Protein backbone atom coordinates (compact mmCIF):
# COMPACT_ATOMS: atom_id res chain seq x y z
CA MET A 1 0.03 -0.03 0.01
CA THR A 2 1.36 3.35 -1.02
CA THR A 3 0.96 6.30 1.31
CA ARG A 4 1.19 9.86 0.05
CA PRO A 5 1.54 12.74 2.46
CA THR A 6 -0.57 15.83 1.97
CA SER A 7 1.24 18.21 -0.50
CA PRO A 8 2.46 21.59 0.74
CA SER A 9 0.46 23.19 -2.08
CA VAL A 10 -2.80 22.54 -0.23
CA SER A 11 -3.97 25.65 1.78
CA PRO A 12 -6.09 24.23 4.73
CA PRO A 13 -6.77 26.56 7.60
CA ALA A 14 -3.98 24.92 9.57
CA SER A 15 -1.67 21.91 9.16
CA PRO A 16 -3.84 18.82 9.38
CA PRO A 17 -3.25 16.81 12.56
CA ALA A 18 -1.63 13.50 12.03
CA SER A 19 -3.93 10.49 12.37
CA PRO A 20 -3.41 8.57 15.50
CA ALA A 21 -1.98 5.16 15.36
CA VAL A 22 -5.20 3.32 15.71
CA SER A 23 -5.53 -0.07 14.02
CA PRO A 24 -7.99 0.24 11.01
CA PRO A 25 -10.82 -2.25 10.74
CA GLY A 26 -9.14 -3.85 7.83
CA THR A 27 -6.76 -2.63 5.10
CA VAL A 28 -7.23 0.96 4.14
CA LEU A 29 -7.24 1.19 0.28
CA LEU A 30 -8.02 4.78 -0.18
CA SER A 31 -8.27 7.74 2.11
CA GLY A 32 -8.05 11.57 1.90
CA ILE A 33 -9.06 14.93 3.39
CA VAL A 34 -12.65 15.94 2.31
CA GLY A 35 -15.20 18.46 3.33
CA SER A 36 -14.54 22.22 3.59
CA THR A 37 -10.83 21.85 2.97
CA ALA A 38 -11.44 19.88 -0.24
CA TYR A 39 -14.05 22.43 -1.37
CA GLY A 40 -11.85 25.48 -0.72
CA LEU A 41 -14.29 26.78 1.97
CA ALA A 42 -12.12 26.05 5.08
CA HIS A 43 -11.38 28.87 7.51
CA ALA A 44 -9.50 29.31 10.73
CA GLY A 45 -10.88 26.74 13.10
CA SER A 46 -12.42 24.51 10.50
CA ASP A 47 -12.32 20.81 11.25
CA ILE A 48 -10.19 18.51 9.13
CA ASP A 49 -12.46 15.70 7.82
CA ARG A 50 -11.14 12.46 6.54
CA LEU A 51 -12.88 9.86 4.52
CA GLY A 52 -11.68 6.52 3.29
CA LEU A 53 -12.51 2.89 2.48
CA PHE A 54 -11.06 -0.32 3.72
CA ALA A 55 -11.27 -4.01 2.85
CA ALA A 56 -12.18 -6.38 5.64
CA PRO A 57 -10.45 -9.76 5.57
CA THR A 58 -12.43 -11.97 3.20
CA THR A 59 -12.91 -14.74 5.68
CA GLY A 60 -14.68 -12.22 7.97
CA PHE A 61 -17.71 -12.65 5.68
CA HIS A 62 -17.89 -16.51 6.11
CA GLY A 63 -19.06 -16.61 9.72
CA LEU A 64 -22.22 -15.74 11.65
CA HIS A 65 -21.42 -12.08 11.94
CA ARG A 66 -20.25 -9.85 9.07
CA PRO A 67 -17.66 -7.30 9.67
CA ALA A 68 -18.55 -3.79 10.61
CA GLU A 69 -19.45 -1.71 7.53
CA SER A 70 -18.23 1.62 8.80
CA HIS A 71 -15.78 2.82 11.34
CA VAL A 72 -15.98 6.43 12.69
CA SER A 73 -13.51 8.18 14.98
CA THR A 74 -13.04 11.70 16.28
CA LYS A 75 -9.83 13.75 16.93
CA PRO A 76 -9.24 13.48 14.02
CA ASP A 77 -12.61 13.18 12.41
CA ARG A 78 -12.40 10.10 10.20
CA THR A 79 -14.96 7.89 8.50
CA LEU A 80 -14.03 4.63 6.91
CA HIS A 81 -16.60 2.55 4.93
CA GLU A 82 -15.94 -1.12 4.06
CA ALA A 83 -15.43 -1.48 0.25
CA ALA A 84 -18.74 -2.97 -0.63
CA LYS A 85 -20.64 -0.35 1.47
CA TRP A 86 -18.74 2.41 -0.22
CA CYS A 87 -19.66 1.04 -3.66
CA ARG A 88 -23.31 0.91 -2.80
CA LEU A 89 -23.11 4.53 -1.53
CA ALA A 90 -21.30 5.66 -4.64
CA LEU A 91 -23.64 3.77 -7.02
CA SER A 92 -26.48 5.88 -5.44
CA CYS A 93 -24.37 9.03 -6.04
CA ASN A 94 -24.15 9.91 -2.41
CA PRO A 95 -22.31 13.17 -2.52
CA THR A 96 -20.03 12.49 0.50
CA ALA A 97 -18.92 9.08 -0.57
CA THR A 98 -18.61 10.04 -4.27
CA GLU A 99 -16.12 12.85 -3.61
CA LEU A 100 -13.55 10.43 -2.22
CA VAL A 101 -12.55 9.33 -5.84
CA TRP A 102 -12.67 12.90 -7.21
CA LEU A 103 -10.28 14.61 -4.74
CA PRO A 104 -7.27 16.75 -5.89
CA ASP A 105 -4.26 14.47 -5.87
CA GLU A 106 -2.66 16.27 -3.07
CA LEU A 107 -5.48 15.52 -0.64
CA TYR A 108 -5.03 11.75 -0.81
CA GLU A 109 -3.18 10.32 2.20
CA VAL A 110 -3.53 6.69 1.45
CA ARG A 111 -3.79 5.59 -2.20
CA GLY A 112 -2.90 1.94 -2.74
CA PRO A 113 -3.10 0.02 -6.02
CA LEU A 114 -6.72 -0.93 -5.48
CA GLY A 115 -7.55 2.60 -4.61
CA GLU A 116 -5.96 3.62 -7.86
CA GLU A 117 -8.19 1.10 -9.66
CA LEU A 118 -11.22 2.51 -8.03
CA ILE A 119 -10.30 6.11 -9.07
CA ALA A 120 -9.96 4.69 -12.57
CA ILE A 121 -13.48 3.43 -12.73
CA ARG A 122 -15.12 6.37 -10.91
CA ARG A 123 -17.30 7.46 -13.93
CA SER A 124 -19.04 4.16 -13.94
CA PHE A 125 -20.70 4.97 -10.57
CA LEU A 126 -22.40 8.04 -11.92
CA SER A 127 -25.88 8.30 -13.34
CA ALA A 128 -28.22 11.19 -14.17
CA ARG A 129 -30.97 9.81 -11.92
CA GLY A 130 -28.48 9.31 -8.98
CA VAL A 131 -27.12 12.73 -9.27
CA ARG A 132 -30.50 14.32 -9.40
CA ASN A 133 -32.02 12.50 -6.45
CA ALA A 134 -28.96 12.51 -4.25
CA TYR A 135 -27.63 15.99 -4.80
CA LEU A 136 -30.92 17.72 -4.95
CA GLY A 137 -32.15 15.67 -2.05
CA TYR A 138 -29.29 16.87 0.14
CA ALA A 139 -29.59 20.47 -1.06
CA THR A 140 -33.23 20.42 -0.16
CA GLN A 141 -32.43 19.19 3.22
CA GLN A 142 -30.09 22.19 3.72
CA PHE A 143 -32.88 24.56 2.54
CA ARG A 144 -35.24 23.00 5.10
CA LYS A 145 -32.73 23.69 7.80
CA LEU A 146 -32.42 27.24 6.75
CA LEU A 147 -36.14 27.80 7.29
CA THR A 148 -35.95 26.52 10.89
CA ARG A 149 -33.09 28.78 11.92
CA ASP A 150 -33.75 31.98 14.00
CA THR A 151 -31.00 34.12 12.47
CA SER A 152 -31.44 36.75 15.14
CA ASP A 153 -29.18 34.52 17.25
CA PRO A 154 -25.54 34.89 16.11
CA ALA A 155 -24.76 31.15 16.54
CA ALA A 156 -27.90 30.18 14.62
CA ARG A 157 -27.01 32.75 11.97
CA ALA A 158 -23.57 31.11 11.52
CA ARG A 159 -25.13 27.73 11.10
CA ALA A 160 -27.59 29.08 8.63
CA ALA A 161 -24.78 30.43 6.58
CA LYS A 162 -22.92 27.08 6.65
CA HIS A 163 -26.15 25.25 5.51
CA ALA A 164 -26.49 27.83 2.74
CA ARG A 165 -22.91 27.24 1.54
CA HIS A 166 -23.42 23.47 1.45
CA LEU A 167 -26.64 24.06 -0.51
CA VAL A 168 -24.89 26.25 -3.02
CA ARG A 169 -21.97 23.72 -3.29
CA LEU A 170 -24.31 20.76 -3.84
CA LEU A 171 -26.26 22.49 -6.56
CA GLU A 172 -23.01 23.57 -8.40
CA GLN A 173 -21.60 20.05 -8.18
CA ALA A 174 -24.81 18.53 -9.38
CA VAL A 175 -25.10 20.79 -12.46
CA HIS A 176 -21.42 20.25 -13.26
CA LEU A 177 -21.72 16.41 -12.94
CA HIS A 178 -24.90 16.47 -15.15
CA GLU A 179 -23.51 18.66 -17.87
CA ALA A 180 -19.78 17.74 -17.78
CA GLY A 181 -19.56 14.21 -16.18
CA HIS A 182 -16.87 15.35 -13.79
CA ASN A 183 -17.18 16.02 -9.98
CA LEU A 184 -16.14 19.54 -9.14
CA VAL A 185 -14.89 18.92 -5.66
CA ARG A 186 -12.60 22.03 -5.56
CA LEU A 187 -14.91 24.93 -6.08
CA PRO A 188 -13.49 27.45 -8.61
CA ASP A 189 -14.72 30.47 -6.80
CA PRO A 190 -15.02 29.80 -2.99
CA GLU A 191 -15.51 33.48 -2.15
CA ARG A 192 -18.54 33.63 -4.41
CA VAL A 193 -20.00 30.59 -2.51
CA ARG A 194 -19.29 32.21 0.79
CA ALA A 195 -20.96 35.49 -0.33
CA LEU A 196 -24.07 33.53 -1.53
CA GLY A 197 -24.16 31.72 1.70
CA GLU A 198 -24.36 35.04 3.70
CA ARG A 199 -26.98 36.39 1.31
CA ILE A 200 -29.02 33.19 1.57
CA ALA A 201 -28.77 33.19 5.38
CA ASP A 202 -30.43 36.55 5.39
CA ASP A 203 -32.95 35.77 2.59
CA PRO A 204 -33.77 32.00 2.32
CA ALA A 205 -36.03 32.79 -0.68
CA HIS A 206 -32.84 33.23 -2.76
CA ALA A 207 -31.96 29.62 -2.10
CA GLU A 208 -35.40 28.57 -3.41
CA ARG A 209 -34.66 30.38 -6.66
CA LEU A 210 -31.26 28.60 -6.92
CA LEU A 211 -32.91 25.16 -6.29
CA ALA A 212 -35.47 25.95 -9.11
CA ALA A 213 -32.75 27.07 -11.44
CA ALA A 214 -30.73 23.94 -10.80
CA THR A 215 -33.72 21.65 -11.20
CA ASP A 216 -34.38 23.22 -14.57
CA ARG A 217 -30.86 22.50 -15.79
CA LEU A 218 -30.92 18.91 -14.44
CA ASP A 219 -34.15 18.36 -16.48
CA LEU A 220 -32.33 18.97 -19.65
CA PRO A 221 -30.38 16.20 -21.31
CA GLY A 222 -26.93 15.77 -19.92
CA VAL A 223 -23.94 13.55 -20.42
CA LEU A 224 -24.53 10.90 -17.72
CA PRO A 225 -26.43 7.65 -18.27
CA ASP A 226 -29.77 7.04 -16.74
CA HIS A 227 -28.34 4.33 -14.56
CA PRO A 228 -24.86 3.48 -13.22
CA ASP A 229 -22.81 0.64 -14.61
CA GLU A 230 -22.41 -1.83 -11.77
CA ARG A 231 -20.11 -4.28 -13.68
CA PRO A 232 -16.79 -2.45 -12.93
CA ALA A 233 -17.67 -2.14 -9.25
CA GLU A 234 -18.61 -5.84 -9.19
CA ALA A 235 -15.27 -6.79 -10.74
CA TRP A 236 -13.31 -4.46 -8.56
CA LEU A 237 -14.86 -5.99 -5.39
CA HIS A 238 -13.92 -9.46 -6.55
CA ARG A 239 -10.30 -8.33 -6.87
CA VAL A 240 -10.53 -6.84 -3.44
CA ARG A 241 -11.88 -10.02 -1.94
CA ALA A 242 -9.21 -12.14 -3.77
CA ALA A 243 -6.35 -9.81 -2.53
CA HIS A 244 -7.61 -10.06 1.11
CA TRP A 245 -8.30 -13.85 1.19
CA THR A 246 -6.18 -15.84 3.63
CA PRO A 247 -7.01 -19.55 3.68
CA ALA A 248 -7.95 -20.90 7.08
CA PRO A 249 -5.10 -23.23 8.57
CA ALA A 250 -5.62 -26.94 8.08
CA ALA A 251 -7.21 -28.62 11.04
CA ALA A 252 -4.93 -30.73 13.26
CA ALA A 253 -4.95 -34.42 12.50
């Protein structure tokens, strides 16, 4: 497994803390820094979020109890999904899972050979229906949170602006995926997104207009197929299972 340290060209709000020496729930195949740092929206005090996927030992699937599908830790904040679970999330175009295979190169911290293979087949996970349902669904959730915030309270006002930034980011990523077939993780103009977030926090109706405009663009023909192609993911998972298979020792005579 090849590990790649974060490149100095990244500009997070502060140097990312090193991951503690905690034994992973399997072999980590791919891991990187996601969230606001990846989007270019991080500021002083922002958390450093890590996401990755691991392969549980193949024999772990042969007994009564299957291996845990996710492992979440804090300090640092890190989520690891078992390979099959990550594939299921990505095939539904889950925005958080999907961004793992579209990160800028310098944000990967673990990028083993099977992780490289997964990046190579990343387009096969995409679908027009999945992008529309997942990204618009998450953006609508952010909009609903905006409507419940009492922005007269400074803390609530700050949370509303955060929800608004995520809403704008999700809509821009959805449209770019639909029209270009590429996940725009690193936003080209973070300051514009921040400014829109502040404006929406004061006037949620502006977010409603953005949702409507994005929905109209997603209704037009795009470059993505209606359904994802599961065959590359299935073949990749077979390679993962083969690579992590250790035969049980022979029984004593």
